[in-house]
Amino acid sequence: MIFSASIQVMPLKALLDPQGKAVSASMKNLNLSAIENVRIGKNITLQVTADTETEALNMVTEACKKLLANPIMEEFEISIKAL
């Protein structure tokens, strides 16, 4: 089966997010001061061939841990669906 995976990678909440902080500051300059605490991450989509959804999830989790996310600075969330 072919599965589609969507991976949301975000900086750990305990760490400073310099991009998010810069965007938050810019919101005030744009008269959008009600928007604050911006955090910027990345969204990754991919397809994986596996026998089961669990197997696909395990492969994508391994890819995240080894390549797609930095576990020291980032956390990730995976969503899988069959195509």
Protein backbone atom coordinates (compact mmCIF):
# COMPACT_ATOMS: atom_id res chain seq x y z
CA MET A 1 0.00 0.00 0.00
CA ILE A 2 1.02 3.59 -0.49
CA PHE A 3 0.64 6.00 2.40
CA SER A 4 0.92 9.77 2.53
CA ALA A 5 2.66 11.26 5.53
CA SER A 6 2.51 14.84 6.71
CA ILE A 7 5.16 15.82 9.24
CA GLN A 8 5.01 19.01 11.29
CA VAL A 9 8.42 19.94 12.73
CA MET A 10 8.53 22.72 15.34
CA PRO A 11 11.20 24.10 17.67
CA LEU A 12 10.98 22.75 21.20
CA LYS A 13 8.81 25.00 23.36
CA ALA A 14 11.65 25.45 25.86
CA LEU A 15 13.95 26.91 23.20
CA LEU A 16 14.06 30.40 21.79
CA ASP A 17 12.63 30.66 18.25
CA PRO A 18 14.50 33.63 16.70
CA GLN A 19 12.45 33.55 13.48
CA GLY A 20 9.20 33.48 15.42
CA LYS A 21 10.39 36.27 17.69
CA ALA A 22 11.29 38.47 14.69
CA VAL A 23 7.89 37.85 13.10
CA SER A 24 6.12 38.60 16.41
CA ALA A 25 7.97 41.92 16.63
CA SER A 26 7.06 42.74 13.03
CA MET A 27 3.38 42.15 13.75
CA LYS A 28 3.40 45.17 16.07
CA ASN A 29 4.91 47.30 13.27
CA LEU A 30 2.05 46.20 10.99
CA ASN A 31 -0.61 47.19 13.55
CA LEU A 32 -1.30 43.52 14.22
CA SER A 33 -0.30 43.58 17.88
CA ALA A 34 -3.02 41.07 18.79
CA ILE A 35 -0.85 38.41 17.08
CA GLU A 36 1.95 37.26 19.35
CA ASN A 37 4.06 34.26 20.35
CA VAL A 38 4.67 33.25 16.72
CA ARG A 39 6.61 30.00 16.30
CA ILE A 40 7.96 28.99 12.91
CA GLY A 41 8.59 25.40 11.87
CA LYS A 42 8.41 23.32 8.74
CA ASN A 43 5.90 21.01 7.10
CA ILE A 44 7.17 17.96 5.22
CA THR A 45 5.02 15.68 3.06
CA LEU A 46 6.12 12.36 1.62
CA GLN A 47 4.84 9.05 0.34
CA VAL A 48 5.89 5.68 1.71
CA THR A 49 5.17 2.14 0.54
CA ALA A 50 4.42 -0.25 3.39
CA ASP A 51 2.25 -3.25 4.18
CA THR A 52 0.46 -1.55 7.09
CA GLU A 53 -0.12 1.92 8.48
CA THR A 54 1.91 0.99 11.56
CA GLU A 55 4.87 -0.02 9.40
CA ALA A 56 4.59 3.24 7.45
CA LEU A 57 4.44 5.24 10.68
CA ASN A 58 7.52 3.44 12.02
CA MET A 59 9.51 4.18 8.84
CA VAL A 60 8.53 7.86 8.85
CA THR A 61 9.32 8.15 12.56
CA GLU A 62 12.78 6.70 11.90
CA ALA A 63 13.31 9.16 9.03
CA CYS A 64 12.36 12.03 11.35
CA LYS A 65 14.70 10.89 14.10
CA LYS A 66 17.64 10.31 11.74
CA LEU A 67 17.26 13.10 9.16
CA LEU A 68 14.15 15.27 9.05
CA ALA A 69 14.17 16.71 12.58
CA ASN A 70 16.90 17.60 15.05
CA PRO A 71 15.78 15.92 18.30
CA ILE A 72 17.95 18.27 20.37
CA MET A 73 16.10 21.36 19.12
CA GLU A 74 12.89 20.17 17.45
CA GLU A 75 9.83 18.05 18.02
CA PHE A 76 7.71 16.45 15.32
CA GLU A 77 4.18 15.22 14.78
CA ILE A 78 3.24 12.75 12.05
CA SER A 79 -0.09 12.23 10.32
CA ILE A 80 -0.46 9.17 8.02
CA LYS A 81 -3.23 8.26 5.60
CA ALA A 82 -3.61 5.58 2.95
CA LEU A 83 -3.81 6.74 -0.64
